[in-house]
Amino acid sequence: MRLKDKVALITGAGSGIGRESALLFAQEGAKIVVVDVNDTAGEETCSMITQAGGQAIYVHADVSKAADCEAMVNAAEKTFGKLNILFNNAGIMLSDDDNAITTEEKVWDLTMEVNLKGVFLGCKYGIPALRRAGGGSIINTASFVALLGAATPQIAYTASKGGVLSMTRELALIHARENIRVNALCPGPLHTELLMKFLNTEAKKQRRLVHIPMGRFGEAKEMAYAALFLASDESSFTTGAEFLVDGGITAAYVTPE
């Protein structure tokens, strides 16, 4: 098992990439701290793990709140004795996130609070725990839009994920000599509830699909396997990376619409 004796904390683990990663990491031997703001979804993920014979606890946390992030890390150490893997995955994509002219300030602020500040706070409280464990792996969910920009305007989301990518690089450099690796997972467009709510018309879906050489949306489980590599000791010489799992979208020329 690739994560035997590891303890992994995963935010946004109630659905999408977070849930698939929690299930996969548990299958690979990790004890899981399932974190979400949606208690029903988070507890369901936790139950799925325990029913399959794994070990997991659920912790309610709003990652934009410092006290909640401190509490989730404390829960990991109190329950399982340590923290080896921190997966800052929680994020939002609001349907009224558009261009700079039409996007309301409250949409910008909320997106930054969750997507960018949430990663900062996870690291703020998680890194000391990784130090106490003798090192570990941090995975921050960024996005292909951190490198390319989005064909369908989503200015706040794109800016927030660019920030996650820049922060990941800096953290990787700061903590490289402490046996703490920090990498950014950059998914392409996925067939998840988060994106499908944003691409809420067939025209929007097709506008995104036309840019993907593989011609389809990715699946959350495909991202979970990429995260598993970054979480495991197999990626022991990988830090500061932008790990693109995007169906070829960032390698392609712009396709005519």
C-alpha atoms as a PDB file:
ATOM      1  CA  MET A   1       0.000   0.000   0.000  1.00  0.00           C
ATOM      2  CA  ARG A   2       1.431   3.315  -1.096  1.00  0.00           C
ATOM      3  CA  LEU A   3       0.328   5.354   1.940  1.00  0.00           C
ATOM      4  CA  LYS A   4       0.665   2.782   4.704  1.00  0.00           C
ATOM      5  CA  ASP A   5       0.986   4.368   8.174  1.00  0.00           C
ATOM      6  CA  LYS A   6       0.358   7.874   6.751  1.00  0.00           C
ATOM      7  CA  VAL A   7      -2.217  10.342   8.040  1.00  0.00           C
ATOM      8  CA  ALA A   8      -3.841  12.553   5.408  1.00  0.00           C
ATOM      9  CA  LEU A   9      -6.018  15.609   5.915  1.00  0.00           C
ATOM     10  CA  ILE A  10      -8.145  16.470   2.882  1.00  0.00           C
ATOM     11  CA  THR A  11     -10.286  19.603   2.685  1.00  0.00           C
ATOM     12  CA  GLY A  12     -13.346  19.674   0.473  1.00  0.00           C
ATOM     13  CA  ALA A  13     -13.527  15.902   0.930  1.00  0.00           C
ATOM     14  CA  GLY A  14     -17.317  15.775   0.756  1.00  0.00           C
ATOM     15  CA  SER A  15     -17.409  15.661  -3.034  1.00  0.00           C
ATOM     16  CA  GLY A  16     -15.455  15.710  -6.283  1.00  0.00           C
ATOM     17  CA  ILE A  17     -11.667  15.457  -6.168  1.00  0.00           C
ATOM     18  CA  GLY A  18     -11.663  15.551  -2.375  1.00  0.00           C
ATOM     19  CA  ARG A  19     -13.986  12.587  -1.945  1.00  0.00           C
ATOM     20  CA  GLU A  20     -12.298  10.471  -4.608  1.00  0.00           C
ATOM     21  CA  SER A  21      -8.901  11.239  -3.078  1.00  0.00           C
ATOM     22  CA  ALA A  22     -10.097  10.393   0.425  1.00  0.00           C
ATOM     23  CA  LEU A  23     -11.418   7.028  -0.744  1.00  0.00           C
ATOM     24  CA  LEU A  24      -8.288   6.246  -2.753  1.00  0.00           C
ATOM     25  CA  PHE A  25      -5.853   7.365  -0.046  1.00  0.00           C
ATOM     26  CA  ALA A  26      -7.699   5.209   2.506  1.00  0.00           C
ATOM     27  CA  GLN A  27      -7.572   2.259   0.122  1.00  0.00           C
ATOM     28  CA  GLU A  28      -3.810   2.790  -0.066  1.00  0.00           C
ATOM     29  CA  GLY A  29      -3.473   2.586   3.705  1.00  0.00           C
ATOM     30  CA  ALA A  30      -3.771   6.163   4.958  1.00  0.00           C
ATOM     31  CA  LYS A  31      -5.850   7.278   7.906  1.00  0.00           C
ATOM     32  CA  ILE A  32      -8.047  10.129   6.664  1.00  0.00           C
ATOM     33  CA  VAL A  33      -9.208  13.378   8.213  1.00  0.00           C
ATOM     34  CA  VAL A  34     -12.225  14.245   6.077  1.00  0.00           C
ATOM     35  CA  VAL A  35     -12.826  18.005   6.137  1.00  0.00           C
ATOM     36  CA  ASP A  36     -15.753  19.840   4.617  1.00  0.00           C
ATOM     37  CA  VAL A  37     -18.208  22.644   5.306  1.00  0.00           C
ATOM     38  CA  ASN A  38     -21.085  20.386   4.231  1.00  0.00           C
ATOM     39  CA  ASP A  39     -21.581  18.032   7.158  1.00  0.00           C
ATOM     40  CA  THR A  40     -23.878  15.594   5.356  1.00  0.00           C
ATOM     41  CA  ALA A  41     -21.459  15.153   2.457  1.00  0.00           C
ATOM     42  CA  GLY A  42     -18.385  14.994   4.679  1.00  0.00           C
ATOM     43  CA  GLU A  43     -19.885  12.419   7.026  1.00  0.00           C
ATOM     44  CA  GLU A  44     -20.956  10.368   4.022  1.00  0.00           C
ATOM     45  CA  THR A  45     -17.362  10.263   2.739  1.00  0.00           C
ATOM     46  CA  CYS A  46     -16.202   9.260   6.212  1.00  0.00           C
ATOM     47  CA  SER A  47     -18.788   6.452   6.347  1.00  0.00           C
ATOM     48  CA  MET A  48     -17.748   5.200   2.918  1.00  0.00           C
ATOM     49  CA  ILE A  49     -14.171   4.868   4.154  1.00  0.00           C
ATOM     50  CA  THR A  50     -15.008   3.131   7.418  1.00  0.00           C
ATOM     51  CA  GLN A  51     -17.481   0.776   5.764  1.00  0.00           C
ATOM     52  CA  ALA A  52     -14.700  -0.296   3.402  1.00  0.00           C
ATOM     53  CA  GLY A  53     -12.483  -1.089   6.388  1.00  0.00           C
ATOM     54  CA  GLY A  54     -10.496   2.141   6.513  1.00  0.00           C
ATOM     55  CA  GLN A  55      -9.974   4.646   9.313  1.00  0.00           C
ATOM     56  CA  ALA A  56     -11.368   8.174   9.090  1.00  0.00           C
ATOM     57  CA  ILE A  57     -12.833  11.002  11.099  1.00  0.00           C
ATOM     58  CA  TYR A  58     -14.942  13.894   9.913  1.00  0.00           C
ATOM     59  CA  VAL A  59     -14.166  17.476  10.926  1.00  0.00           C
ATOM     60  CA  HIS A  60     -16.394  20.405  10.005  1.00  0.00           C
ATOM     61  CA  ALA A  61     -14.302  23.364   8.866  1.00  0.00           C
ATOM     62  CA  ASP A  62     -14.731  26.520   6.856  1.00  0.00           C
ATOM     63  CA  VAL A  63     -11.218  26.876   5.437  1.00  0.00           C
ATOM     64  CA  SER A  64     -11.565  30.655   5.242  1.00  0.00           C
ATOM     65  CA  LYS A  65     -11.613  30.779   9.068  1.00  0.00           C
ATOM     66  CA  ALA A  66      -8.350  30.486  10.984  1.00  0.00           C
ATOM     67  CA  ALA A  67      -9.921  28.841  14.031  1.00  0.00           C
ATOM     68  CA  ASP A  68     -11.469  26.115  11.891  1.00  0.00           C
ATOM     69  CA  CYS A  69      -8.175  25.368  10.136  1.00  0.00           C
ATOM     70  CA  GLU A  70      -6.332  25.206  13.438  1.00  0.00           C
ATOM     71  CA  ALA A  71      -9.010  22.870  14.806  1.00  0.00           C
ATOM     72  CA  MET A  72      -8.869  20.468  11.846  1.00  0.00           C
ATOM     73  CA  VAL A  73      -5.102  20.054  12.205  1.00  0.00           C
ATOM     74  CA  ASN A  74      -5.436  19.610  15.965  1.00  0.00           C
ATOM     75  CA  ALA A  75      -8.060  16.920  15.361  1.00  0.00           C
ATOM     76  CA  ALA A  76      -5.698  15.042  13.059  1.00  0.00           C
ATOM     77  CA  GLU A  77      -2.903  14.988  15.639  1.00  0.00           C
ATOM     78  CA  LYS A  78      -5.209  14.265  18.564  1.00  0.00           C
ATOM     79  CA  THR A  79      -6.938  11.349  16.819  1.00  0.00           C
ATOM     80  CA  PHE A  80      -4.140   9.796  14.789  1.00  0.00           C
ATOM     81  CA  GLY A  81      -1.026  11.183  16.503  1.00  0.00           C
ATOM     82  CA  LYS A  82       0.485  12.972  13.522  1.00  0.00           C
ATOM     83  CA  LEU A  83      -0.071  14.549  10.104  1.00  0.00           C
ATOM     84  CA  ASN A  84       1.901  13.451   7.024  1.00  0.00           C
ATOM     85  CA  ILE A  85      -0.187  14.676   4.089  1.00  0.00           C
ATOM     86  CA  LEU A  86      -2.076  17.954   3.771  1.00  0.00           C
ATOM     87  CA  PHE A  87      -4.316  18.220   0.720  1.00  0.00           C
ATOM     88  CA  ASN A  88      -5.652  21.790   0.481  1.00  0.00           C
ATOM     89  CA  ASN A  89      -8.370  20.960  -1.995  1.00  0.00           C
ATOM     90  CA  ALA A  90     -11.464  22.909  -0.897  1.00  0.00           C
ATOM     91  CA  GLY A  91     -12.600  25.522  -3.375  1.00  0.00           C
ATOM     92  CA  ILE A  92     -15.577  27.303  -4.858  1.00  0.00           C
ATOM     93  CA  MET A  93     -16.526  28.416  -8.358  1.00  0.00           C
ATOM     94  CA  LEU A  94     -19.427  30.860  -8.287  1.00  0.00           C
ATOM     95  CA  SER A  95     -21.822  31.047 -11.217  1.00  0.00           C
ATOM     96  CA  ASP A  96     -21.841  34.855 -11.176  1.00  0.00           C
ATOM     97  CA  ASP A  97     -18.043  35.035 -11.435  1.00  0.00           C
ATOM     98  CA  ASP A  98     -17.529  36.687 -14.823  1.00  0.00           C
ATOM     99  CA  ASN A  99     -15.304  39.448 -16.190  1.00  0.00           C
ATOM    100  CA  ALA A 100     -13.800  42.349 -14.246  1.00  0.00           C
ATOM    101  CA  ILE A 101     -16.613  44.711 -15.229  1.00  0.00           C
ATOM    102  CA  THR A 102     -19.586  42.580 -14.294  1.00  0.00           C
ATOM    103  CA  THR A 103     -18.233  40.531 -11.370  1.00  0.00           C
ATOM    104  CA  GLU A 104     -19.398  41.940  -8.058  1.00  0.00           C
ATOM    105  CA  GLU A 105     -16.893  42.676  -5.339  1.00  0.00           C
ATOM    106  CA  LYS A 106     -18.572  40.220  -2.961  1.00  0.00           C
ATOM    107  CA  VAL A 107     -18.028  37.412  -5.490  1.00  0.00           C
ATOM    108  CA  TRP A 108     -14.350  38.327  -5.753  1.00  0.00           C
ATOM    109  CA  ASP A 109     -13.948  38.509  -1.974  1.00  0.00           C
ATOM    110  CA  LEU A 110     -15.666  35.209  -1.223  1.00  0.00           C
ATOM    111  CA  THR A 111     -13.701  33.393  -3.933  1.00  0.00           C
ATOM    112  CA  MET A 112     -10.407  34.712  -2.567  1.00  0.00           C
ATOM    113  CA  GLU A 113     -11.388  33.895   1.012  1.00  0.00           C
ATOM    114  CA  VAL A 114     -12.005  30.234   0.242  1.00  0.00           C
ATOM    115  CA  ASN A 115      -9.709  29.431  -2.683  1.00  0.00           C
ATOM    116  CA  LEU A 116      -6.617  31.425  -1.738  1.00  0.00           C
ATOM    117  CA  LYS A 117      -6.808  32.327   1.945  1.00  0.00           C
ATOM    118  CA  GLY A 118      -8.059  28.808   2.665  1.00  0.00           C
ATOM    119  CA  VAL A 119      -4.844  27.328   1.266  1.00  0.00           C
ATOM    120  CA  PHE A 120      -2.753  29.840   3.225  1.00  0.00           C
ATOM    121  CA  LEU A 121      -4.528  28.977   6.473  1.00  0.00           C
ATOM    122  CA  GLY A 122      -4.246  25.259   5.814  1.00  0.00           C
ATOM    123  CA  CYS A 123      -0.498  25.683   5.416  1.00  0.00           C
ATOM    124  CA  LYS A 124      -0.228  28.070   8.366  1.00  0.00           C
ATOM    125  CA  TYR A 125      -1.505  25.432  10.766  1.00  0.00           C
ATOM    126  CA  GLY A 126      -0.588  22.310   8.826  1.00  0.00           C
ATOM    127  CA  ILE A 127       3.124  22.962   8.287  1.00  0.00           C
ATOM    128  CA  PRO A 128       3.994  22.920  12.018  1.00  0.00           C
ATOM    129  CA  ALA A 129       2.237  19.538  12.257  1.00  0.00           C
ATOM    130  CA  LEU A 130       4.218  18.203   9.289  1.00  0.00           C
ATOM    131  CA  ARG A 131       7.391  19.416  10.989  1.00  0.00           C
ATOM    132  CA  ARG A 132       6.432  17.499  14.124  1.00  0.00           C
ATOM    133  CA  ALA A 133       5.958  14.389  11.974  1.00  0.00           C
ATOM    134  CA  GLY A 134       9.430  14.786  10.456  1.00  0.00           C
ATOM    135  CA  GLY A 135       8.200  16.099   7.109  1.00  0.00           C
ATOM    136  CA  GLY A 136       5.517  15.270   4.594  1.00  0.00           C
ATOM    137  CA  SER A 137       3.637  16.322   1.497  1.00  0.00           C
ATOM    138  CA  ILE A 138       1.394  19.310   0.846  1.00  0.00           C
ATOM    139  CA  ILE A 139      -0.826  19.272  -2.228  1.00  0.00           C
ATOM    140  CA  ASN A 140      -2.648  22.454  -3.199  1.00  0.00           C
ATOM    141  CA  THR A 141      -5.413  22.297  -5.784  1.00  0.00           C
ATOM    142  CA  ALA A 142      -4.776  24.999  -8.378  1.00  0.00           C
ATOM    143  CA  SER A 143      -6.099  24.730 -11.950  1.00  0.00           C
ATOM    144  CA  PHE A 144      -5.052  24.870 -15.580  1.00  0.00           C
ATOM    145  CA  VAL A 145      -6.532  28.399 -15.604  1.00  0.00           C
ATOM    146  CA  ALA A 146      -3.655  29.485 -13.361  1.00  0.00           C
ATOM    147  CA  LEU A 147      -1.486  29.074 -16.469  1.00  0.00           C
ATOM    148  CA  LEU A 148      -3.815  29.838 -19.365  1.00  0.00           C
ATOM    149  CA  GLY A 149      -6.806  31.838 -18.309  1.00  0.00           C
ATOM    150  CA  ALA A 150     -10.327  30.597 -18.984  1.00  0.00           C
ATOM    151  CA  ALA A 151     -12.218  30.731 -22.274  1.00  0.00           C
ATOM    152  CA  THR A 152     -15.406  31.306 -20.297  1.00  0.00           C
ATOM    153  CA  PRO A 153     -14.709  34.346 -18.069  1.00  0.00           C
ATOM    154  CA  GLN A 154     -14.277  33.627 -14.355  1.00  0.00           C
ATOM    155  CA  ILE A 155     -11.949  36.378 -13.209  1.00  0.00           C
ATOM    156  CA  ALA A 156     -12.009  35.727  -9.464  1.00  0.00           C
ATOM    157  CA  TYR A 157     -11.538  31.976  -9.771  1.00  0.00           C
ATOM    158  CA  THR A 158      -8.701  32.351 -12.277  1.00  0.00           C
ATOM    159  CA  ALA A 159      -6.914  34.934 -10.125  1.00  0.00           C
ATOM    160  CA  SER A 160      -7.355  32.841  -6.983  1.00  0.00           C
ATOM    161  CA  LYS A 161      -5.851  29.764  -8.613  1.00  0.00           C
ATOM    162  CA  GLY A 162      -2.938  31.820  -9.955  1.00  0.00           C
ATOM    163  CA  GLY A 163      -2.315  32.854  -6.379  1.00  0.00           C
ATOM    164  CA  VAL A 164      -2.383  29.240  -5.214  1.00  0.00           C
ATOM    165  CA  LEU A 165       0.240  28.346  -7.817  1.00  0.00           C
ATOM    166  CA  SER A 166       2.550  31.216  -6.814  1.00  0.00           C
ATOM    167  CA  MET A 167       2.139  30.450  -3.114  1.00  0.00           C
ATOM    168  CA  THR A 168       2.913  26.791  -3.760  1.00  0.00           C
ATOM    169  CA  ARG A 169       6.217  27.665  -5.424  1.00  0.00           C
ATOM    170  CA  GLU A 170       7.282  29.915  -2.556  1.00  0.00           C
ATOM    171  CA  LEU A 171       6.313  27.432   0.137  1.00  0.00           C
ATOM    172  CA  ALA A 172       8.217  24.718  -1.709  1.00  0.00           C
ATOM    173  CA  LEU A 173      11.393  26.794  -1.595  1.00  0.00           C
ATOM    174  CA  ILE A 174      10.971  27.819   2.030  1.00  0.00           C
ATOM    175  CA  HIS A 175      10.461  24.289   3.317  1.00  0.00           C
ATOM    176  CA  ALA A 176      12.562  22.202   0.894  1.00  0.00           C
ATOM    177  CA  ARG A 177      15.278  21.523   3.504  1.00  0.00           C
ATOM    178  CA  GLU A 178      12.690  20.425   6.083  1.00  0.00           C
ATOM    179  CA  ASN A 179      11.579  17.320   4.190  1.00  0.00           C
ATOM    180  CA  ILE A 180       8.306  19.098   3.385  1.00  0.00           C
ATOM    181  CA  ARG A 181       7.292  18.966  -0.259  1.00  0.00           C
ATOM    182  CA  VAL A 182       4.710  21.395  -1.652  1.00  0.00           C
ATOM    183  CA  ASN A 183       3.146  20.843  -5.057  1.00  0.00           C
ATOM    184  CA  ALA A 184       0.187  22.200  -6.984  1.00  0.00           C
ATOM    185  CA  LEU A 185      -2.261  19.857  -8.672  1.00  0.00           C
ATOM    186  CA  CYS A 186      -3.575  21.642 -11.768  1.00  0.00           C
ATOM    187  CA  PRO A 187      -6.670  19.853 -13.089  1.00  0.00           C
ATOM    188  CA  GLY A 188      -8.133  20.533 -16.466  1.00  0.00           C
ATOM    189  CA  PRO A 189     -11.910  20.892 -16.884  1.00  0.00           C
ATOM    190  CA  LEU A 190     -13.641  18.120 -14.945  1.00  0.00           C
ATOM    191  CA  HIS A 191     -17.039  16.516 -15.024  1.00  0.00           C
ATOM    192  CA  THR A 192     -17.746  17.516 -11.427  1.00  0.00           C
ATOM    193  CA  GLU A 193     -20.685  19.253  -9.830  1.00  0.00           C
ATOM    194  CA  LEU A 194     -18.508  22.320  -9.204  1.00  0.00           C
ATOM    195  CA  LEU A 195     -17.734  22.911 -12.878  1.00  0.00           C
ATOM    196  CA  MET A 196     -21.039  21.696 -14.297  1.00  0.00           C
ATOM    197  CA  LYS A 197     -22.868  24.249 -12.133  1.00  0.00           C
ATOM    198  CA  PHE A 198     -20.678  26.952 -13.655  1.00  0.00           C
ATOM    199  CA  LEU A 199     -20.913  25.658 -17.223  1.00  0.00           C
ATOM    200  CA  ASN A 200     -24.683  25.598 -16.878  1.00  0.00           C
ATOM    201  CA  THR A 201     -25.599  25.655 -20.574  1.00  0.00           C
ATOM    202  CA  GLU A 202     -24.661  23.349 -23.424  1.00  0.00           C
ATOM    203  CA  ALA A 203     -23.035  26.294 -25.222  1.00  0.00           C
ATOM    204  CA  LYS A 204     -20.735  26.937 -22.245  1.00  0.00           C
ATOM    205  CA  LYS A 205     -19.825  23.248 -22.030  1.00  0.00           C
ATOM    206  CA  GLN A 206     -18.970  23.100 -25.726  1.00  0.00           C
ATOM    207  CA  ARG A 207     -16.912  26.284 -25.531  1.00  0.00           C
ATOM    208  CA  ARG A 208     -14.727  24.597 -22.906  1.00  0.00           C
ATOM    209  CA  LEU A 209     -14.670  21.172 -24.576  1.00  0.00           C
ATOM    210  CA  VAL A 210     -13.444  22.501 -27.914  1.00  0.00           C
ATOM    211  CA  HIS A 211     -10.128  23.427 -26.301  1.00  0.00           C
ATOM    212  CA  ILE A 212      -9.453  19.949 -24.844  1.00  0.00           C
ATOM    213  CA  PRO A 213      -7.495  17.725 -27.249  1.00  0.00           C
ATOM    214  CA  MET A 214      -8.916  14.580 -25.637  1.00  0.00           C
ATOM    215  CA  GLY A 215     -12.401  15.864 -26.390  1.00  0.00           C
ATOM    216  CA  ARG A 216     -13.893  15.139 -22.981  1.00  0.00           C
ATOM    217  CA  PHE A 217     -14.041  16.413 -19.437  1.00  0.00           C
ATOM    218  CA  GLY A 218     -11.780  14.742 -16.909  1.00  0.00           C
ATOM    219  CA  GLU A 219     -13.066  12.739 -13.964  1.00  0.00           C
ATOM    220  CA  ALA A 220     -12.433  13.436 -10.293  1.00  0.00           C
ATOM    221  CA  LYS A 221     -10.946   9.968  -9.824  1.00  0.00           C
ATOM    222  CA  GLU A 222      -8.282  10.739 -12.427  1.00  0.00           C
ATOM    223  CA  MET A 223      -7.213  13.706 -10.287  1.00  0.00           C
ATOM    224  CA  ALA A 224      -7.194  11.499  -7.184  1.00  0.00           C
ATOM    225  CA  TYR A 225      -4.625   9.193  -8.787  1.00  0.00           C
ATOM    226  CA  ALA A 226      -2.423  12.192  -9.591  1.00  0.00           C
ATOM    227  CA  ALA A 227      -2.774  13.419  -6.003  1.00  0.00           C
ATOM    228  CA  LEU A 228      -1.848   9.945  -4.765  1.00  0.00           C
ATOM    229  CA  PHE A 229       1.490  10.181  -6.568  1.00  0.00           C
ATOM    230  CA  LEU A 230       2.182  13.586  -4.992  1.00  0.00           C
ATOM    231  CA  ALA A 231       1.138  12.310  -1.558  1.00  0.00           C
ATOM    232  CA  SER A 232       3.287   9.180  -1.723  1.00  0.00           C
ATOM    233  CA  ASP A 233       7.013   8.742  -1.259  1.00  0.00           C
ATOM    234  CA  GLU A 234       7.225   7.989  -4.982  1.00  0.00           C
ATOM    235  CA  SER A 235       7.323  11.761  -5.549  1.00  0.00           C
ATOM    236  CA  SER A 236      10.129  12.282  -3.017  1.00  0.00           C
ATOM    237  CA  PHE A 237      12.159  14.498  -5.409  1.00  0.00           C
ATOM    238  CA  THR A 238       9.156  16.523  -6.578  1.00  0.00           C
ATOM    239  CA  THR A 239       8.487  19.908  -5.032  1.00  0.00           C
ATOM    240  CA  GLY A 240       7.333  23.283  -6.335  1.00  0.00           C
ATOM    241  CA  ALA A 241       5.753  21.566  -9.322  1.00  0.00           C
ATOM    242  CA  GLU A 242       2.675  22.544 -11.291  1.00  0.00           C
ATOM    243  CA  PHE A 243       1.350  19.051 -11.895  1.00  0.00           C
ATOM    244  CA  LEU A 244      -0.917  19.384 -14.913  1.00  0.00           C
ATOM    245  CA  VAL A 245      -3.586  16.747 -15.442  1.00  0.00           C
ATOM    246  CA  ASP A 246      -5.622  18.457 -18.115  1.00  0.00           C
ATOM    247  CA  GLY A 247      -6.319  16.286 -21.146  1.00  0.00           C
ATOM    248  CA  GLY A 248      -3.684  18.207 -23.098  1.00  0.00           C
ATOM    249  CA  ILE A 249      -5.387  21.604 -22.872  1.00  0.00           C
ATOM    250  CA  THR A 250      -2.253  23.542 -21.911  1.00  0.00           C
ATOM    251  CA  ALA A 251      -0.220  21.894 -24.680  1.00  0.00           C
ATOM    252  CA  ALA A 252      -2.645  22.815 -27.447  1.00  0.00           C
ATOM    253  CA  TYR A 253      -2.897  25.718 -29.818  1.00  0.00           C
ATOM    254  CA  VAL A 254      -6.137  27.641 -29.448  1.00  0.00           C
ATOM    255  CA  THR A 255      -8.840  25.829 -31.346  1.00  0.00           C
ATOM    256  CA  PRO A 256     -11.252  27.982 -33.381  1.00  0.00           C
ATOM    257  CA  GLU A 257     -14.681  28.213 -31.802  1.00  0.00           C
END
